C-alpha atoms as a PDB file:
ATOM      1  CA  UNK A   1       1.242  41.857   0.310  1.00  0.00           C
ATOM      2  CA  UNK A   2       1.058  39.645  -2.459  1.00  0.00           C
ATOM      3  CA  UNK A   3      -2.255  37.895  -2.951  1.00  0.00           C
ATOM      4  CA  UNK A   4      -2.858  34.449  -1.458  1.00  0.00           C
ATOM      5  CA  UNK A   5      -3.081  31.530  -3.993  1.00  0.00           C
ATOM      6  CA  UNK A   6      -4.788  28.215  -3.676  1.00  0.00           C
ATOM      7  CA  UNK A   7      -1.374  26.462  -4.357  1.00  0.00           C
ATOM      8  CA  UNK A   8       0.077  28.509  -1.047  1.00  0.00           C
ATOM      9  CA  UNK A   9      -3.135  27.035   0.715  1.00  0.00           C
ATOM     10  CA  UNK A  10      -2.536  23.402  -0.698  1.00  0.00           C
ATOM     11  CA  UNK A  11       0.849  23.687   0.650  1.00  0.00           C
ATOM     12  CA  UNK A  12       0.021  24.943   4.167  1.00  0.00           C
ATOM     13  CA  UNK A  13      -2.396  21.751   4.195  1.00  0.00           C
ATOM     14  CA  UNK A  14       0.632  19.498   3.686  1.00  0.00           C
ATOM     15  CA  UNK A  15       1.599  20.069   7.668  1.00  0.00           C
ATOM     16  CA  UNK A  16      -2.030  18.655   8.515  1.00  0.00           C
ATOM     17  CA  UNK A  17      -1.530  14.626   9.200  1.00  0.00           C
ATOM     18  CA  UNK A  18      -4.580  12.773   9.230  1.00  0.00           C
ATOM     19  CA  UNK A  19      -5.153  11.728  12.554  1.00  0.00           C
ATOM     20  CA  UNK A  20      -3.478   8.434  13.195  1.00  0.00           C
ATOM     21  CA  UNK A  21      -1.726   8.434  10.028  1.00  0.00           C
ATOM     22  CA  UNK A  22       1.712   9.494   9.036  1.00  0.00           C
ATOM     23  CA  UNK A  23       0.695  11.261   5.916  1.00  0.00           C
ATOM     24  CA  UNK A  24      -0.931  14.517   5.132  1.00  0.00           C
ATOM     25  CA  UNK A  25      -4.481  15.579   3.640  1.00  0.00           C
ATOM     26  CA  UNK A  26      -2.963  16.717   0.291  1.00  0.00           C
ATOM     27  CA  UNK A  27      -1.124  13.176   0.139  1.00  0.00           C
ATOM     28  CA  UNK A  28      -4.000  11.454   0.785  1.00  0.00           C
ATOM     29  CA  UNK A  29      -6.014  13.092  -1.899  1.00  0.00           C
ATOM     30  CA  UNK A  30      -8.419  14.586   0.746  1.00  0.00           C
ATOM     31  CA  UNK A  31      -8.430  18.298  -0.441  1.00  0.00           C
ATOM     32  CA  UNK A  32     -11.013  19.149  -3.336  1.00  0.00           C
ATOM     33  CA  UNK A  33      -9.644  20.746  -6.439  1.00  0.00           C
ATOM     34  CA  UNK A  34     -11.564  23.988  -5.629  1.00  0.00           C
ATOM     35  CA  UNK A  35     -10.080  26.296  -3.006  1.00  0.00           C
ATOM     36  CA  UNK A  36     -11.607  29.369  -2.596  1.00  0.00           C
ATOM     37  CA  UNK A  37     -10.126  32.490  -1.420  1.00  0.00           C
ATOM     38  CA  UNK A  38     -12.091  35.533  -0.949  1.00  0.00           C
ATOM     39  CA  UNK A  39     -10.675  38.354   1.151  1.00  0.00           C
ATOM     40  CA  UNK A  40      -9.271  36.806   4.248  1.00  0.00           C
ATOM     41  CA  UNK A  41     -11.274  33.841   3.946  1.00  0.00           C
ATOM     42  CA  UNK A  42     -10.574  30.537   2.676  1.00  0.00           C
ATOM     43  CA  UNK A  43     -13.401  27.806   1.748  1.00  0.00           C
ATOM     44  CA  UNK A  44     -12.511  24.378   0.669  1.00  0.00           C
ATOM     45  CA  UNK A  45     -13.754  20.997   0.598  1.00  0.00           C
ATOM     46  CA  UNK A  46     -12.357  18.022   2.275  1.00  0.00           C
ATOM     47  CA  UNK A  47     -13.241  14.378   1.853  1.00  0.00           C
ATOM     48  CA  UNK A  48     -11.932  12.453   5.062  1.00  0.00           C
ATOM     49  CA  UNK A  49     -13.605   9.343   4.203  1.00  0.00           C
ATOM     50  CA  UNK A  50     -14.971   9.332   7.971  1.00  0.00           C
ATOM     51  CA  UNK A  51     -17.786  10.567   9.772  1.00  0.00           C
ATOM     52  CA  UNK A  52     -16.401  10.279  13.143  1.00  0.00           C
ATOM     53  CA  UNK A  53     -17.042  13.586  14.921  1.00  0.00           C
ATOM     54  CA  UNK A  54     -13.778  13.614  17.053  1.00  0.00           C
ATOM     55  CA  UNK A  55     -11.751  13.047  13.512  1.00  0.00           C
ATOM     56  CA  UNK A  56     -13.884  15.821  12.050  1.00  0.00           C
ATOM     57  CA  UNK A  57     -13.165  18.200  15.144  1.00  0.00           C
ATOM     58  CA  UNK A  58      -9.569  17.503  15.389  1.00  0.00           C
ATOM     59  CA  UNK A  59      -9.274  17.953  11.340  1.00  0.00           C
ATOM     60  CA  UNK A  60     -11.164  21.026  11.470  1.00  0.00           C
ATOM     61  CA  UNK A  61      -8.814  22.451  14.320  1.00  0.00           C
ATOM     62  CA  UNK A  62      -5.505  21.261  12.468  1.00  0.00           C
ATOM     63  CA  UNK A  63      -6.801  22.653   9.423  1.00  0.00           C
ATOM     64  CA  UNK A  64      -7.753  26.195  10.809  1.00  0.00           C
ATOM     65  CA  UNK A  65      -4.717  26.373  12.683  1.00  0.00           C
ATOM     66  CA  UNK A  66      -2.498  25.831   9.466  1.00  0.00           C
ATOM     67  CA  UNK A  67      -4.091  28.107   7.439  1.00  0.00           C
ATOM     68  CA  UNK A  68      -4.513  31.079  10.071  1.00  0.00           C
ATOM     69  CA  UNK A  69      -0.516  31.056   9.954  1.00  0.00           C
ATOM     70  CA  UNK A  70      -0.758  32.111   6.283  1.00  0.00           C
ATOM     71  CA  UNK A  71      -0.503  36.131   5.705  1.00  0.00           C
ATOM     72  CA  UNK A  72      -3.920  37.542   5.295  1.00  0.00           C
ATOM     73  CA  UNK A  73      -5.962  34.564   6.634  1.00  0.00           C
ATOM     74  CA  UNK A  74      -8.616  35.410   9.144  1.00  0.00           C
ATOM     75  CA  UNK A  75     -11.517  33.138   8.491  1.00  0.00           C
ATOM     76  CA  UNK A  76     -11.527  29.506   7.399  1.00  0.00           C
ATOM     77  CA  UNK A  77     -14.691  27.525   6.285  1.00  0.00           C
ATOM     78  CA  UNK A  78     -14.195  23.735   5.804  1.00  0.00           C
ATOM     79  CA  UNK A  79     -16.804  21.586   4.289  1.00  0.00           C
ATOM     80  CA  UNK A  80     -16.739  18.037   5.076  1.00  0.00           C
ATOM     81  CA  UNK A  81     -17.966  15.404   2.619  1.00  0.00           C
ATOM     82  CA  UNK A  82     -19.472  12.370   3.813  1.00  0.00           C
ATOM     83  CA  UNK A  83     -17.773   9.240   4.282  1.00  0.00           C
ATOM     84  CA  UNK A  84     -20.135   7.722   1.175  1.00  0.00           C
ATOM     85  CA  UNK A  85     -18.183  10.247  -1.059  1.00  0.00           C
ATOM     86  CA  UNK A  86     -15.106   8.496  -0.621  1.00  0.00           C
ATOM     87  CA  UNK A  87     -11.562   9.154   0.538  1.00  0.00           C
ATOM     88  CA  UNK A  88      -9.744  10.701  -2.426  1.00  0.00           C
ATOM     89  CA  UNK A  89      -7.556   9.320  -4.639  1.00  0.00           C
ATOM     90  CA  UNK A  90      -5.539   5.912  -3.586  1.00  0.00           C
ATOM     91  CA  UNK A  91      -1.762   6.766  -3.198  1.00  0.00           C
ATOM     92  CA  UNK A  92      -0.828   3.390  -4.574  1.00  0.00           C
ATOM     93  CA  UNK A  93      -3.043   3.670  -7.582  1.00  0.00           C
ATOM     94  CA  UNK A  94      -0.134   4.546  -9.913  1.00  0.00           C
ATOM     95  CA  UNK A  95       1.430   1.279  -9.412  1.00  0.00           C
ATOM     96  CA  UNK A  96       1.031  -1.425 -12.461  1.00  0.00           C
ATOM     97  CA  UNK A  97      -1.241  -4.146 -11.678  1.00  0.00           C
ATOM     98  CA  UNK A  98       0.153  -7.558 -12.393  1.00  0.00           C
ATOM     99  CA  UNK A  99      -1.451  -8.672 -15.720  1.00  0.00           C
ATOM    100  CA  UNK A 100      -3.601 -12.251 -14.502  1.00  0.00           C
ATOM    101  CA  UNK A 101      -3.093 -11.592 -11.072  1.00  0.00           C
ATOM    102  CA  UNK A 102      -6.252 -11.132  -8.872  1.00  0.00           C
ATOM    103  CA  UNK A 103      -4.858 -11.588  -5.265  1.00  0.00           C
ATOM    104  CA  UNK A 104      -1.321 -11.821  -3.709  1.00  0.00           C
ATOM    105  CA  UNK A 105      -0.907 -13.617  -0.581  1.00  0.00           C
ATOM    106  CA  UNK A 106       2.469 -13.180   1.144  1.00  0.00           C
ATOM    107  CA  UNK A 107       4.269 -16.083   3.165  1.00  0.00           C
ATOM    108  CA  UNK A 108       6.685 -14.410   5.213  1.00  0.00           C
ATOM    109  CA  UNK A 109       9.181 -14.763   8.882  1.00  0.00           C
ATOM    110  CA  UNK A 110      12.099 -12.955   9.870  1.00  0.00           C
ATOM    111  CA  UNK A 111      13.033 -16.342  11.413  1.00  0.00           C
ATOM    112  CA  UNK A 112      14.683 -19.115   9.455  1.00  0.00           C
ATOM    113  CA  UNK A 113      13.298 -22.784   9.066  1.00  0.00           C
ATOM    114  CA  UNK A 114       9.819 -22.252   9.947  1.00  0.00           C
ATOM    115  CA  UNK A 115       8.307 -23.996   6.904  1.00  0.00           C
ATOM    116  CA  UNK A 116       7.747 -20.600   4.594  1.00  0.00           C
ATOM    117  CA  UNK A 117       8.865 -22.777   1.564  1.00  0.00           C
ATOM    118  CA  UNK A 118       7.307 -25.631   2.303  1.00  0.00           C
ATOM    119  CA  UNK A 119       4.138 -24.193   2.992  1.00  0.00           C
ATOM    120  CA  UNK A 120       4.449 -22.148  -0.306  1.00  0.00           C
ATOM    121  CA  UNK A 121       5.571 -25.329  -2.145  1.00  0.00           C
ATOM    122  CA  UNK A 122       2.644 -27.251  -1.183  1.00  0.00           C
ATOM    123  CA  UNK A 123      -0.145 -24.525  -2.052  1.00  0.00           C
ATOM    124  CA  UNK A 124      -1.909 -24.854  -5.343  1.00  0.00           C
ATOM    125  CA  UNK A 125      -1.169 -21.259  -6.606  1.00  0.00           C
ATOM    126  CA  UNK A 126       1.948 -20.435  -8.753  1.00  0.00           C
ATOM    127  CA  UNK A 127       4.669 -18.817  -6.153  1.00  0.00           C
ATOM    128  CA  UNK A 128       7.540 -16.649  -6.672  1.00  0.00           C
ATOM    129  CA  UNK A 129      10.524 -17.013  -4.125  1.00  0.00           C
ATOM    130  CA  UNK A 130      11.767 -13.839  -3.104  1.00  0.00           C
ATOM    131  CA  UNK A 131      13.871 -15.079  -0.028  1.00  0.00           C
ATOM    132  CA  UNK A 132      16.208 -12.254   1.305  1.00  0.00           C
ATOM    133  CA  UNK A 133      19.192 -14.787   1.255  1.00  0.00           C
ATOM    134  CA  UNK A 134      18.299 -16.300  -2.047  1.00  0.00           C
ATOM    135  CA  UNK A 135      15.385 -18.791  -3.439  1.00  0.00           C
ATOM    136  CA  UNK A 136      14.928 -21.828  -1.545  1.00  0.00           C
ATOM    137  CA  UNK A 137      12.297 -23.310  -3.538  1.00  0.00           C
ATOM    138  CA  UNK A 138      14.266 -25.453  -5.690  1.00  0.00           C
ATOM    139  CA  UNK A 139      15.952 -27.294  -2.977  1.00  0.00           C
ATOM    140  CA  UNK A 140      12.057 -28.095  -1.289  1.00  0.00           C
ATOM    141  CA  UNK A 141      10.751 -28.851  -4.525  1.00  0.00           C
ATOM    142  CA  UNK A 142      13.640 -30.642  -6.662  1.00  0.00           C
ATOM    143  CA  UNK A 143      12.702 -28.678  -9.699  1.00  0.00           C
ATOM    144  CA  UNK A 144      15.018 -25.893 -11.308  1.00  0.00           C
ATOM    145  CA  UNK A 145      12.028 -23.542 -11.160  1.00  0.00           C
ATOM    146  CA  UNK A 146       8.572 -23.541 -10.141  1.00  0.00           C
ATOM    147  CA  UNK A 147       6.963 -23.039 -13.295  1.00  0.00           C
ATOM    148  CA  UNK A 148       8.666 -25.945 -14.786  1.00  0.00           C
ATOM    149  CA  UNK A 149       7.070 -29.517 -15.011  1.00  0.00           C
ATOM    150  CA  UNK A 150      10.368 -31.599 -14.508  1.00  0.00           C
ATOM    151  CA  UNK A 151      10.128 -34.263 -12.391  1.00  0.00           C
ATOM    152  CA  UNK A 152      11.204 -34.112  -9.309  1.00  0.00           C
ATOM    153  CA  UNK A 153      15.004 -35.084  -8.617  1.00  0.00           C
ATOM    154  CA  UNK A 154      16.281 -37.618  -6.182  1.00  0.00           C
ATOM    155  CA  UNK A 155      18.826 -36.843  -3.375  1.00  0.00           C
ATOM    156  CA  UNK A 156      21.752 -38.841  -2.491  1.00  0.00           C
ATOM    157  CA  UNK A 157      24.159 -37.622   0.264  1.00  0.00           C
ATOM    158  CA  UNK A 158      23.056 -34.071  -0.116  1.00  0.00           C
ATOM    159  CA  UNK A 159      23.442 -34.059  -3.737  1.00  0.00           C
ATOM    160  CA  UNK A 160      20.977 -33.724  -6.358  1.00  0.00           C
ATOM    161  CA  UNK A 161      21.230 -36.800  -8.862  1.00  0.00           C
ATOM    162  CA  UNK A 162      19.713 -37.479 -12.200  1.00  0.00           C
ATOM    163  CA  UNK A 163      15.614 -37.469 -12.729  1.00  0.00           C
ATOM    164  CA  UNK A 164      13.559 -40.303 -10.985  1.00  0.00           C
ATOM    165  CA  UNK A 165      12.223 -42.125 -13.991  1.00  0.00           C
ATOM    166  CA  UNK A 166       8.107 -42.003 -13.407  1.00  0.00           C
ATOM    167  CA  UNK A 167       8.136 -45.964 -13.614  1.00  0.00           C
ATOM    168  CA  UNK A 168      10.489 -45.830 -10.832  1.00  0.00           C
ATOM    169  CA  UNK A 169       8.113 -43.765  -8.589  1.00  0.00           C
ATOM    170  CA  UNK A 170       4.760 -45.448  -9.585  1.00  0.00           C
ATOM    171  CA  UNK A 171       6.033 -48.754  -8.645  1.00  0.00           C
ATOM    172  CA  UNK A 172       7.427 -48.073  -5.065  1.00  0.00           C
END
């Protein structure tokens, strides 16, 4: 019989889903790097990011069951880190951050005509219109693009006409 490897243990742990999540412990980065195999005993360190006893008990049972299915494993010793030690790596950390952007606010609805573009265009933040059926922001702002400083356009019979001179709008 071939000797058990840490890679085989890690692969078996991919079947253990974190309670109330759809991801496994390995994908969530909760399994420590050091997996010790000593004869028929497997020792590992898990960082679940919680101290809830019911979650830890459920994880311990699931880990024990998954690893005991491996040939030659009779004992499983799991050490759970305290919640303060972190939840492991962030699965989204590899995504590139947007330079100069601290926060992203999404305005969404599956229903049309509820004022998403109006709310967005009246906010004081730069906006990006990524509507499923195309951009409606130029229509609501009267500008070709949101980052343009072009003056608003007058609407005549549903058609956009030339720019309104600033003197005409100020004297009204």
